[in-house]
Amino acid sequence: MEEPTYDPSRPLATTTLVYQYKLVNCPGKSTVGLLVEYPPDGATPPHRHGGASVSAYVLKGSVLNKMNNDPMKVVEQGGSWYEAPGCHHRIGANASKTEPAAFFVNFVLDT
């Protein structure tokens, strides 16, 4: 599959805060959980999450994912990925133009 170029006219994902807790055994750190839902053909602009460690799990559909200069991957339902602090998330998009996709993401970040 060819790597797409980000197109700002594509629909954006919606995010819903699921939880946010301070990690009492890791002073100065918190964990945040989000539900991210892509409409058909949805995408997010290239971005970074600063000093956060990020892990994600695909709940529905398939998503396109490219970190730093690594090859793009298609992550299907039941698949997951990890983003190290400072990682450049170059491609984040729904792999389908006709079906929605969703994933759960957990951040560990400075409080």
PDB file of N, CA and C in Angstrom:
ATOM      1  N   MET A   1       0.842  -1.176   0.000  1.00  0.00           N
ATOM      2  CA  MET A   1       0.000   0.000   0.000  1.00  0.00           C
ATOM      3  C   MET A   1       0.890   1.242   0.000  1.00  0.00           C
ATOM      4  N   GLU A   2       0.530   2.192  -0.814  1.00  0.00           N
ATOM      5  CA  GLU A   2       1.298   3.435  -0.913  1.00  0.00           C
ATOM      6  C   GLU A   2       1.012   4.337   0.291  1.00  0.00           C
ATOM      7  N   GLU A   3       2.051   4.994   0.785  1.00  0.00           N
ATOM      8  CA  GLU A   3       1.886   5.904   1.920  1.00  0.00           C
ATOM      9  C   GLU A   3       1.127   7.153   1.490  1.00  0.00           C
ATOM     10  N   PRO A   4       0.032   7.473   2.193  1.00  0.00           N
ATOM     11  CA  PRO A   4      -0.705   8.688   1.841  1.00  0.00           C
ATOM     12  C   PRO A   4       0.004   9.935   2.357  1.00  0.00           C
ATOM     13  N   THR A   5      -0.224  11.030   1.695  1.00  0.00           N
ATOM     14  CA  THR A   5       0.215  12.339   2.166  1.00  0.00           C
ATOM     15  C   THR A   5      -0.947  12.941   2.944  1.00  0.00           C
ATOM     16  N   TYR A   6      -0.660  13.598   4.064  1.00  0.00           N
ATOM     17  CA  TYR A   6      -1.750  14.171   4.851  1.00  0.00           C
ATOM     18  C   TYR A   6      -2.509  15.208   4.036  1.00  0.00           C
ATOM     19  N   ASP A   7      -3.819  15.077   4.052  1.00  0.00           N
ATOM     20  CA  ASP A   7      -4.714  15.983   3.338  1.00  0.00           C
ATOM     21  C   ASP A   7      -5.650  16.623   4.369  1.00  0.00           C
ATOM     22  N   PRO A   8      -5.501  17.925   4.643  1.00  0.00           N
ATOM     23  CA  PRO A   8      -6.319  18.561   5.679  1.00  0.00           C
ATOM     24  C   PRO A   8      -7.814  18.596   5.364  1.00  0.00           C
ATOM     25  N   SER A   9      -8.210  18.248   4.149  1.00  0.00           N
ATOM     26  CA  SER A   9      -9.642  18.223   3.834  1.00  0.00           C
ATOM     27  C   SER A   9     -10.306  16.917   4.288  1.00  0.00           C
ATOM     28  N   ARG A  10      -9.494  15.926   4.680  1.00  0.00           N
ATOM     29  CA  ARG A  10     -10.075  14.671   5.179  1.00  0.00           C
ATOM     30  C   ARG A  10     -10.699  14.909   6.552  1.00  0.00           C
ATOM     31  N   PRO A  11     -11.738  14.139   6.903  1.00  0.00           N
ATOM     32  CA  PRO A  11     -12.339  14.317   8.229  1.00  0.00           C
ATOM     33  C   PRO A  11     -11.369  13.943   9.339  1.00  0.00           C
ATOM     34  N   LEU A  12     -11.468  14.639  10.460  1.00  0.00           N
ATOM     35  CA  LEU A  12     -10.604  14.379  11.614  1.00  0.00           C
ATOM     36  C   LEU A  12     -11.218  13.317  12.522  1.00  0.00           C
ATOM     37  N   ALA A  13     -10.372  12.701  13.328  1.00  0.00           N
ATOM     38  CA  ALA A  13     -10.832  11.762  14.345  1.00  0.00           C
ATOM     39  C   ALA A  13     -11.483  12.533  15.482  1.00  0.00           C
ATOM     40  N   THR A  14     -12.368  11.858  16.214  1.00  0.00           N
ATOM     41  CA  THR A  14     -12.898  12.415  17.453  1.00  0.00           C
ATOM     42  C   THR A  14     -12.263  11.669  18.615  1.00  0.00           C
ATOM     43  N   THR A  15     -12.044  12.367  19.723  1.00  0.00           N
ATOM     44  CA  THR A  15     -11.453  11.732  20.904  1.00  0.00           C
ATOM     45  C   THR A  15     -12.374  11.930  22.097  1.00  0.00           C
ATOM     46  N   THR A  16     -12.455  10.885  22.917  1.00  0.00           N
ATOM     47  CA  THR A  16     -13.255  10.912  24.133  1.00  0.00           C
ATOM     48  C   THR A  16     -12.367  10.511  25.297  1.00  0.00           C
ATOM     49  N   LEU A  17     -12.301  11.357  26.320  1.00  0.00           N
ATOM     50  CA  LEU A  17     -11.536  11.021  27.513  1.00  0.00           C
ATOM     51  C   LEU A  17     -12.244   9.884  28.245  1.00  0.00           C
ATOM     52  N   VAL A  18     -11.528   8.785  28.485  1.00  0.00           N
ATOM     53  CA  VAL A  18     -12.077   7.629  29.194  1.00  0.00           C
ATOM     54  C   VAL A  18     -11.662   7.673  30.659  1.00  0.00           C
ATOM     55  N   TYR A  19     -10.393   8.011  30.921  1.00  0.00           N
ATOM     56  CA  TYR A  19      -9.923   8.133  32.305  1.00  0.00           C
ATOM     57  C   TYR A  19      -8.691   9.004  32.374  1.00  0.00           C
ATOM     58  N   GLN A  20      -8.404   9.468  33.594  1.00  0.00           N
ATOM     59  CA  GLN A  20      -7.193  10.237  33.886  1.00  0.00           C
ATOM     60  C   GLN A  20      -6.884  10.039  35.365  1.00  0.00           C
ATOM     61  N   TYR A  21      -5.710   9.465  35.662  1.00  0.00           N
ATOM     62  CA  TYR A  21      -5.327   9.182  37.044  1.00  0.00           C
ATOM     63  C   TYR A  21      -3.870   9.549  37.276  1.00  0.00           C
ATOM     64  N   LYS A  22      -3.572  10.037  38.477  1.00  0.00           N
ATOM     65  CA  LYS A  22      -2.181  10.191  38.897  1.00  0.00           C
ATOM     66  C   LYS A  22      -1.668   8.813  39.293  1.00  0.00           C
ATOM     67  N   LEU A  23      -0.432   8.510  38.921  1.00  0.00           N
ATOM     68  CA  LEU A  23       0.184   7.228  39.265  1.00  0.00           C
ATOM     69  C   LEU A  23       0.907   7.393  40.599  1.00  0.00           C
ATOM     70  N   VAL A  24       0.297   6.931  41.671  1.00  0.00           N
ATOM     71  CA  VAL A  24       0.845   7.174  43.008  1.00  0.00           C
ATOM     72  C   VAL A  24       2.182   6.471  43.229  1.00  0.00           C
ATOM     73  N   ASN A  25       2.439   5.398  42.487  1.00  0.00           N
ATOM     74  CA  ASN A  25       3.721   4.697  42.631  1.00  0.00           C
ATOM     75  C   ASN A  25       4.800   5.268  41.707  1.00  0.00           C
ATOM     76  N   CYS A  26       4.440   6.261  40.898  1.00  0.00           N
ATOM     77  CA  CYS A  26       5.388   6.951  40.009  1.00  0.00           C
ATOM     78  C   CYS A  26       5.166   8.453  40.187  1.00  0.00           C
ATOM     79  N   PRO A  27       5.716   9.039  41.249  1.00  0.00           N
ATOM     80  CA  PRO A  27       5.472  10.460  41.517  1.00  0.00           C
ATOM     81  C   PRO A  27       5.768  11.332  40.293  1.00  0.00           C
ATOM     82  N   GLY A  28       4.852  12.258  40.025  1.00  0.00           N
ATOM     83  CA  GLY A  28       5.024  13.168  38.898  1.00  0.00           C
ATOM     84  C   GLY A  28       4.500  12.632  37.581  1.00  0.00           C
ATOM     85  N   LYS A  29       3.924  11.425  37.584  1.00  0.00           N
ATOM     86  CA  LYS A  29       3.401  10.823  36.351  1.00  0.00           C
ATOM     87  C   LYS A  29       1.899  10.586  36.469  1.00  0.00           C
ATOM     88  N   SER A  30       1.230  10.641  35.335  1.00  0.00           N
ATOM     89  CA  SER A  30      -0.198  10.333  35.240  1.00  0.00           C
ATOM     90  C   SER A  30      -0.430   9.406  34.060  1.00  0.00           C
ATOM     91  N   THR A  31      -1.579   8.749  34.068  1.00  0.00           N
ATOM     92  CA  THR A  31      -2.001   7.942  32.932  1.00  0.00           C
ATOM     93  C   THR A  31      -3.330   8.500  32.433  1.00  0.00           C
ATOM     94  N   VAL A  32      -3.469   8.561  31.124  1.00  0.00           N
ATOM     95  CA  VAL A  32      -4.675   9.080  30.491  1.00  0.00           C
ATOM     96  C   VAL A  32      -5.100   8.076  29.427  1.00  0.00           C
ATOM     97  N   GLY A  33      -6.383   7.726  29.412  1.00  0.00           N
ATOM     98  CA  GLY A  33      -6.930   6.828  28.398  1.00  0.00           C
ATOM     99  C   GLY A  33      -7.920   7.564  27.517  1.00  0.00           C
ATOM    100  N   LEU A  34      -7.785   7.400  26.208  1.00  0.00           N
ATOM    101  CA  LEU A  34      -8.676   8.048  25.242  1.00  0.00           C
ATOM    102  C   LEU A  34      -9.237   7.027  24.265  1.00  0.00           C
ATOM    103  N   LEU A  35     -10.474   7.232  23.856  1.00  0.00           N
ATOM    104  CA  LEU A  35     -11.058   6.512  22.734  1.00  0.00           C
ATOM    105  C   LEU A  35     -10.925   7.423  21.524  1.00  0.00           C
ATOM    106  N   VAL A  36     -10.289   6.928  20.465  1.00  0.00           N
ATOM    107  CA  VAL A  36     -10.108   7.693  19.230  1.00  0.00           C
ATOM    108  C   VAL A  36     -10.945   7.014  18.153  1.00  0.00           C
ATOM    109  N   GLU A  37     -11.832   7.784  17.513  1.00  0.00           N
ATOM    110  CA  GLU A  37     -12.719   7.231  16.491  1.00  0.00           C
ATOM    111  C   GLU A  37     -12.517   7.974  15.175  1.00  0.00           C
ATOM    112  N   TYR A  38     -12.153   7.206  14.144  1.00  0.00           N
ATOM    113  CA  TYR A  38     -12.001   7.753  12.797  1.00  0.00           C
ATOM    114  C   TYR A  38     -13.278   7.518  12.010  1.00  0.00           C
ATOM    115  N   PRO A  39     -13.821   8.539  11.379  1.00  0.00           N
ATOM    116  CA  PRO A  39     -14.886   8.297  10.410  1.00  0.00           C
ATOM    117  C   PRO A  39     -14.266   7.667   9.159  1.00  0.00           C
ATOM    118  N   PRO A  40     -15.076   7.180   8.230  1.00  0.00           N
ATOM    119  CA  PRO A  40     -14.502   6.695   6.974  1.00  0.00           C
ATOM    120  C   PRO A  40     -13.586   7.762   6.365  1.00  0.00           C
ATOM    121  N   ASP A  41     -12.412   7.349   5.915  1.00  0.00           N
ATOM    122  CA  ASP A  41     -11.408   8.221   5.289  1.00  0.00           C
ATOM    123  C   ASP A  41     -10.835   9.262   6.253  1.00  0.00           C
ATOM    124  N   GLY A  42     -11.031   9.079   7.559  1.00  0.00           N
ATOM    125  CA  GLY A  42     -10.528  10.031   8.544  1.00  0.00           C
ATOM    126  C   GLY A  42      -9.016   9.956   8.710  1.00  0.00           C
ATOM    127  N   ALA A  43      -8.433  11.055   9.164  1.00  0.00           N
ATOM    128  CA  ALA A  43      -6.981  11.117   9.362  1.00  0.00           C
ATOM    129  C   ALA A  43      -6.657  12.164  10.423  1.00  0.00           C
ATOM    130  N   THR A  44      -5.461  12.070  10.985  1.00  0.00           N
ATOM    131  CA  THR A  44      -4.954  13.096  11.888  1.00  0.00           C
ATOM    132  C   THR A  44      -3.678  13.676  11.287  1.00  0.00           C
ATOM    133  N   PRO A  45      -3.402  14.949  11.539  1.00  0.00           N
ATOM    134  CA  PRO A  45      -2.170  15.535  11.014  1.00  0.00           C
ATOM    135  C   PRO A  45      -0.947  14.914  11.683  1.00  0.00           C
ATOM    136  N   PRO A  46       0.209  14.973  11.043  1.00  0.00           N
ATOM    137  CA  PRO A  46       1.443  14.518  11.696  1.00  0.00           C
ATOM    138  C   PRO A  46       1.604  15.262  13.025  1.00  0.00           C
ATOM    139  N   HIS A  47       2.096  14.550  14.041  1.00  0.00           N
ATOM    140  CA  HIS A  47       2.183  15.138  15.377  1.00  0.00           C
ATOM    141  C   HIS A  47       3.181  14.389  16.244  1.00  0.00           C
ATOM    142  N   ARG A  48       3.445  14.956  17.413  1.00  0.00           N
ATOM    143  CA  ARG A  48       4.261  14.334  18.458  1.00  0.00           C
ATOM    144  C   ARG A  48       3.485  14.422  19.765  1.00  0.00           C
ATOM    145  N   HIS A  49       3.823  13.544  20.707  1.00  0.00           N
ATOM    146  CA  HIS A  49       3.202  13.572  22.024  1.00  0.00           C
ATOM    147  C   HIS A  49       4.206  13.991  23.094  1.00  0.00           C
ATOM    148  N   GLY A  50       5.220  14.757  22.721  1.00  0.00           N
ATOM    149  CA  GLY A  50       6.202  15.274  23.677  1.00  0.00           C
ATOM    150  C   GLY A  50       6.876  14.164  24.455  1.00  0.00           C
ATOM    151  N   GLY A  51       6.858  14.263  25.776  1.00  0.00           N
ATOM    152  CA  GLY A  51       7.527  13.285  26.628  1.00  0.00           C
ATOM    153  C   GLY A  51       6.660  12.108  27.027  1.00  0.00           C
ATOM    154  N   ALA A  52       5.490  11.955  26.427  1.00  0.00           N
ATOM    155  CA  ALA A  52       4.582  10.866  26.798  1.00  0.00           C
ATOM    156  C   ALA A  52       4.993   9.546  26.155  1.00  0.00           C
ATOM    157  N   SER A  53       4.792   8.459  26.901  1.00  0.00           N
ATOM    158  CA  SER A  53       4.835   7.107  26.339  1.00  0.00           C
ATOM    159  C   SER A  53       3.403   6.764  25.959  1.00  0.00           C
ATOM    160  N   VAL A  54       3.208   6.249  24.746  1.00  0.00           N
ATOM    161  CA  VAL A  54       1.869   6.018  24.223  1.00  0.00           C
ATOM    162  C   VAL A  54       1.752   4.579  23.743  1.00  0.00           C
ATOM    163  N   SER A  55       0.671   3.909  24.136  1.00  0.00           N
ATOM    164  CA  SER A  55       0.366   2.591  23.578  1.00  0.00           C
ATOM    165  C   SER A  55      -1.079   2.614  23.113  1.00  0.00           C
ATOM    166  N   ALA A  56      -1.362   1.881  22.036  1.00  0.00           N
ATOM    167  CA  ALA A  56      -2.701   1.906  21.445  1.00  0.00           C
ATOM    168  C   ALA A  56      -3.123   0.505  21.032  1.00  0.00           C
ATOM    169  N   TYR A  57      -4.443   0.286  21.030  1.00  0.00           N
ATOM    170  CA  TYR A  57      -5.041  -1.002  20.674  1.00  0.00           C
ATOM    171  C   TYR A  57      -6.232  -0.733  19.756  1.00  0.00           C
ATOM    172  N   VAL A  58      -6.242  -1.368  18.577  1.00  0.00           N
ATOM    173  CA  VAL A  58      -7.305  -1.144  17.597  1.00  0.00           C
ATOM    174  C   VAL A  58      -8.544  -1.956  17.983  1.00  0.00           C
ATOM    175  N   LEU A  59      -9.651  -1.256  18.178  1.00  0.00           N
ATOM    176  CA  LEU A  59     -10.920  -1.869  18.573  1.00  0.00           C
ATOM    177  C   LEU A  59     -11.794  -2.248  17.389  1.00  0.00           C
ATOM    178  N   LYS A  60     -11.701  -1.448  16.307  1.00  0.00           N
ATOM    179  CA  LYS A  60     -12.579  -1.655  15.156  1.00  0.00           C
ATOM    180  C   LYS A  60     -11.875  -1.166  13.902  1.00  0.00           C
ATOM    181  N   GLY A  61     -12.000  -1.927  12.820  1.00  0.00           N
ATOM    182  CA  GLY A  61     -11.440  -1.516  11.542  1.00  0.00           C
ATOM    183  C   GLY A  61      -9.932  -1.677  11.496  1.00  0.00           C
ATOM    184  N   SER A  62      -9.298  -0.907  10.630  1.00  0.00           N
ATOM    185  CA  SER A  62      -7.841  -0.917  10.446  1.00  0.00           C
ATOM    186  C   SER A  62      -7.356   0.519  10.331  1.00  0.00           C
ATOM    187  N   VAL A  63      -6.162   0.769  10.866  1.00  0.00           N
ATOM    188  CA  VAL A  63      -5.594   2.110  10.793  1.00  0.00           C
ATOM    189  C   VAL A  63      -4.206   2.059  10.162  1.00  0.00           C
ATOM    190  N   LEU A  64      -3.849   3.138   9.489  1.00  0.00           N
ATOM    191  CA  LEU A  64      -2.507   3.303   8.934  1.00  0.00           C
ATOM    192  C   LEU A  64      -1.672   4.025   9.979  1.00  0.00           C
ATOM    193  N   ASN A  65      -0.459   3.545  10.166  1.00  0.00           N
ATOM    194  CA  ASN A  65       0.376   4.068  11.237  1.00  0.00           C
ATOM    195  C   ASN A  65       1.827   4.130  10.767  1.00  0.00           C
ATOM    196  N   LYS A  66       2.455   5.291  10.892  1.00  0.00           N
ATOM    197  CA  LYS A  66       3.878   5.439  10.549  1.00  0.00           C
ATOM    198  C   LYS A  66       4.543   6.288  11.614  1.00  0.00           C
ATOM    199  N   MET A  67       5.610   5.732  12.197  1.00  0.00           N
ATOM    200  CA  MET A  67       6.377   6.424  13.221  1.00  0.00           C
ATOM    201  C   MET A  67       7.766   6.757  12.691  1.00  0.00           C
ATOM    202  N   ASN A  68       8.199   7.990  12.947  1.00  0.00           N
ATOM    203  CA  ASN A  68       9.542   8.427  12.547  1.00  0.00           C
ATOM    204  C   ASN A  68       9.783   8.077  11.089  1.00  0.00           C
ATOM    205  N   ASN A  69      10.888   7.409  10.785  1.00  0.00           N
ATOM    206  CA  ASN A  69      11.185   7.019   9.408  1.00  0.00           C
ATOM    207  C   ASN A  69      10.969   5.529   9.176  1.00  0.00           C
ATOM    208  N   ASP A  70      10.239   4.868  10.094  1.00  0.00           N
ATOM    209  CA  ASP A  70       9.923   3.448   9.929  1.00  0.00           C
ATOM    210  C   ASP A  70       8.906   3.279   8.804  1.00  0.00           C
ATOM    211  N   PRO A  71       8.810   2.072   8.248  1.00  0.00           N
ATOM    212  CA  PRO A  71       7.797   1.836   7.216  1.00  0.00           C
ATOM    213  C   PRO A  71       6.383   1.995   7.785  1.00  0.00           C
ATOM    214  N   MET A  72       5.455   2.421   6.943  1.00  0.00           N
ATOM    215  CA  MET A  72       4.060   2.499   7.343  1.00  0.00           C
ATOM    216  C   MET A  72       3.525   1.087   7.577  1.00  0.00           C
ATOM    217  N   LYS A  73       2.658   0.955   8.588  1.00  0.00           N
ATOM    218  CA  LYS A  73       2.027  -0.331   8.885  1.00  0.00           C
ATOM    219  C   LYS A  73       0.517  -0.172   8.838  1.00  0.00           C
ATOM    220  N   VAL A  74      -0.156  -1.248   8.446  1.00  0.00           N
ATOM    221  CA  VAL A  74      -1.605  -1.336   8.573  1.00  0.00           C
ATOM    222  C   VAL A  74      -1.854  -2.135   9.844  1.00  0.00           C
ATOM    223  N   VAL A  75      -2.483  -1.508  10.835  1.00  0.00           N
ATOM    224  CA  VAL A  75      -2.758  -2.169  12.110  1.00  0.00           C
ATOM    225  C   VAL A  75      -4.244  -2.508  12.125  1.00  0.00           C
ATOM    226  N   GLU A  76      -4.533  -3.807  12.142  1.00  0.00           N
ATOM    227  CA  GLU A  76      -5.914  -4.271  12.062  1.00  0.00           C
ATOM    228  C   GLU A  76      -6.518  -4.451  13.448  1.00  0.00           C
ATOM    229  N   GLN A  77      -7.829  -4.647  13.491  1.00  0.00           N
ATOM    230  CA  GLN A  77      -8.541  -4.886  14.745  1.00  0.00           C
ATOM    231  C   GLN A  77      -7.810  -5.947  15.558  1.00  0.00           C
ATOM    232  N   GLY A  78      -7.560  -5.649  16.834  1.00  0.00           N
ATOM    233  CA  GLY A  78      -6.817  -6.554  17.708  1.00  0.00           C
ATOM    234  C   GLY A  78      -5.326  -6.284  17.731  1.00  0.00           C
ATOM    235  N   GLY A  79      -4.844  -5.423  16.840  1.00  0.00           N
ATOM    236  CA  GLY A  79      -3.427  -5.077  16.801  1.00  0.00           C
ATOM    237  C   GLY A  79      -3.128  -3.888  17.698  1.00  0.00           C
ATOM    238  N   SER A  80      -1.841  -3.671  17.946  1.00  0.00           N
ATOM    239  CA  SER A  80      -1.441  -2.581  18.833  1.00  0.00           C
ATOM    240  C   SER A  80      -0.123  -1.979  18.369  1.00  0.00           C
ATOM    241  N   TRP A  81       0.235  -0.844  18.969  1.00  0.00           N
ATOM    242  CA  TRP A  81       1.535  -0.230  18.723  1.00  0.00           C
ATOM    243  C   TRP A  81       1.954   0.585  19.936  1.00  0.00           C
ATOM    244  N   TYR A  82       3.233   0.965  19.937  1.00  0.00           N
ATOM    245  CA  TYR A  82       3.828   1.763  21.005  1.00  0.00           C
ATOM    246  C   TYR A  82       4.554   2.942  20.384  1.00  0.00           C
ATOM    247  N   GLU A  83       4.427   4.108  21.014  1.00  0.00           N
ATOM    248  CA  GLU A  83       5.156   5.307  20.603  1.00  0.00           C
ATOM    249  C   GLU A  83       6.031   5.756  21.767  1.00  0.00           C
ATOM    250  N   ALA A  84       7.330   5.765  21.552  1.00  0.00           N
ATOM    251  CA  ALA A  84       8.265   6.221  22.583  1.00  0.00           C
ATOM    252  C   ALA A  84       8.180   7.742  22.720  1.00  0.00           C
ATOM    253  N   PRO A  85       8.572   8.280  23.875  1.00  0.00           N
ATOM    254  CA  PRO A  85       8.579   9.733  24.038  1.00  0.00           C
ATOM    255  C   PRO A  85       9.366  10.414  22.909  1.00  0.00           C
ATOM    256  N   GLY A  86       8.799  11.499  22.385  1.00  0.00           N
ATOM    257  CA  GLY A  86       9.446  12.246  21.315  1.00  0.00           C
ATOM    258  C   GLY A  86       9.223  11.687  19.925  1.00  0.00           C
ATOM    259  N   CYS A  87       8.564  10.549  19.814  1.00  0.00           N
ATOM    260  CA  CYS A  87       8.307   9.917  18.518  1.00  0.00           C
ATOM    261  C   CYS A  87       7.519  10.867  17.609  1.00  0.00           C
ATOM    262  N   HIS A  88       7.858  10.870  16.325  1.00  0.00           N
ATOM    263  CA  HIS A  88       7.113  11.665  15.346  1.00  0.00           C
ATOM    264  C   HIS A  88       6.112  10.741  14.669  1.00  0.00           C
ATOM    265  N   HIS A  89       4.828  10.949  14.959  1.00  0.00           N
ATOM    266  CA  HIS A  89       3.753  10.146  14.365  1.00  0.00           C
ATOM    267  C   HIS A  89       3.430  10.786  13.018  1.00  0.00           C
ATOM    268  N   ARG A  90       4.004  10.247  11.957  1.00  0.00           N
ATOM    269  CA  ARG A  90       3.913  10.861  10.631  1.00  0.00           C
ATOM    270  C   ARG A  90       2.603  10.560   9.913  1.00  0.00           C
ATOM    271  N   ILE A  91       2.077   9.331  10.089  1.00  0.00           N
ATOM    272  CA  ILE A  91       0.811   8.951   9.456  1.00  0.00           C
ATOM    273  C   ILE A  91      -0.082   8.315  10.505  1.00  0.00           C
ATOM    274  N   GLY A  92      -1.285   8.826  10.631  1.00  0.00           N
ATOM    275  CA  GLY A  92      -2.332   8.249  11.462  1.00  0.00           C
ATOM    276  C   GLY A  92      -3.637   8.430  10.711  1.00  0.00           C
ATOM    277  N   ALA A  93      -4.229   7.322  10.244  1.00  0.00           N
ATOM    278  CA  ALA A  93      -5.415   7.455   9.397  1.00  0.00           C
ATOM    279  C   ALA A  93      -6.219   6.166   9.384  1.00  0.00           C
ATOM    280  N   ASN A  94      -7.493   6.301   9.076  1.00  0.00           N
ATOM    281  CA  ASN A  94      -8.342   5.149   8.826  1.00  0.00           C
ATOM    282  C   ASN A  94      -7.900   4.536   7.500  1.00  0.00           C
ATOM    283  N   ALA A  95      -7.727   3.223   7.473  1.00  0.00           N
ATOM    284  CA  ALA A  95      -7.324   2.547   6.240  1.00  0.00           C
ATOM    285  C   ALA A  95      -8.483   2.425   5.256  1.00  0.00           C
ATOM    286  N   SER A  96      -9.715   2.635   5.720  1.00  0.00           N
ATOM    287  CA  SER A  96     -10.902   2.469   4.875  1.00  0.00           C
ATOM    288  C   SER A  96     -11.527   3.813   4.525  1.00  0.00           C
ATOM    289  N   LYS A  97     -11.973   3.929   3.296  1.00  0.00           N
ATOM    290  CA  LYS A  97     -12.705   5.116   2.863  1.00  0.00           C
ATOM    291  C   LYS A  97     -14.209   4.961   3.089  1.00  0.00           C
ATOM    292  N   THR A  98     -14.656   3.736   3.476  1.00  0.00           N
ATOM    293  CA  THR A  98     -16.092   3.474   3.598  1.00  0.00           C
ATOM    294  C   THR A  98     -16.546   3.018   4.984  1.00  0.00           C
ATOM    295  N   GLU A  99     -15.631   2.549   5.832  1.00  0.00           N
ATOM    296  CA  GLU A  99     -15.985   2.027   7.154  1.00  0.00           C
ATOM    297  C   GLU A  99     -15.253   2.814   8.244  1.00  0.00           C
ATOM    298  N   PRO A 100     -15.863   2.981   9.412  1.00  0.00           N
ATOM    299  CA  PRO A 100     -15.176   3.663  10.515  1.00  0.00           C
ATOM    300  C   PRO A 100     -14.100   2.775  11.137  1.00  0.00           C
ATOM    301  N   ALA A 101     -13.243   3.379  11.925  1.00  0.00           N
ATOM    302  CA  ALA A 101     -12.212   2.657  12.685  1.00  0.00           C
ATOM    303  C   ALA A 101     -12.117   3.313  14.059  1.00  0.00           C
ATOM    304  N   ALA A 102     -11.665   2.540  15.051  1.00  0.00           N
ATOM    305  CA  ALA A 102     -11.530   3.089  16.403  1.00  0.00           C
ATOM    306  C   ALA A 102     -10.391   2.390  17.120  1.00  0.00           C
ATOM    307  N   PHE A 103      -9.721   3.138  17.997  1.00  0.00           N
ATOM    308  CA  PHE A 103      -8.696   2.527  18.837  1.00  0.00           C
ATOM    309  C   PHE A 103      -8.694   3.191  20.205  1.00  0.00           C
ATOM    310  N   PHE A 104      -8.180   2.447  21.179  1.00  0.00           N
ATOM    311  CA  PHE A 104      -8.012   2.956  22.535  1.00  0.00           C
ATOM    312  C   PHE A 104      -6.545   3.290  22.710  1.00  0.00           C
ATOM    313  N   VAL A 105      -6.256   4.434  23.304  1.00  0.00           N
ATOM    314  CA  VAL A 105      -4.869   4.856  23.491  1.00  0.00           C
ATOM    315  C   VAL A 105      -4.634   5.209  24.957  1.00  0.00           C
ATOM    316  N   ASN A 106      -3.485   4.774  25.468  1.00  0.00           N
ATOM    317  CA  ASN A 106      -3.086   5.063  26.843  1.00  0.00           C
ATOM    318  C   ASN A 106      -1.798   5.883  26.816  1.00  0.00           C
ATOM    319  N   PHE A 107      -1.812   7.009  27.526  1.00  0.00           N
ATOM    320  CA  PHE A 107      -0.641   7.867  27.659  1.00  0.00           C
ATOM    321  C   PHE A 107      -0.108   7.753  29.080  1.00  0.00           C
ATOM    322  N   VAL A 108       1.201   7.683  29.234  1.00  0.00           N
ATOM    323  CA  VAL A 108       1.859   7.889  30.518  1.00  0.00           C
ATOM    324  C   VAL A 108       2.672   9.162  30.341  1.00  0.00           C
ATOM    325  N   LEU A 109       2.350  10.182  31.146  1.00  0.00           N
ATOM    326  CA  LEU A 109       2.940  11.498  30.920  1.00  0.00           C
ATOM    327  C   LEU A 109       3.214  12.209  32.232  1.00  0.00           C
ATOM    328  N   ASP A 110       3.982  13.283  32.136  1.00  0.00           N
ATOM    329  CA  ASP A 110       4.258  14.099  33.312  1.00  0.00           C
ATOM    330  C   ASP A 110       2.970  14.765  33.779  1.00  0.00           C
ATOM    331  N   THR A 111       2.767  14.766  35.093  1.00  0.00           N
ATOM    332  CA  THR A 111       1.563  15.373  35.674  1.00  0.00           C
ATOM    333  C   THR A 111       1.658  16.892  35.622  1.00  0.00           C
TER     334      THR A 111
END
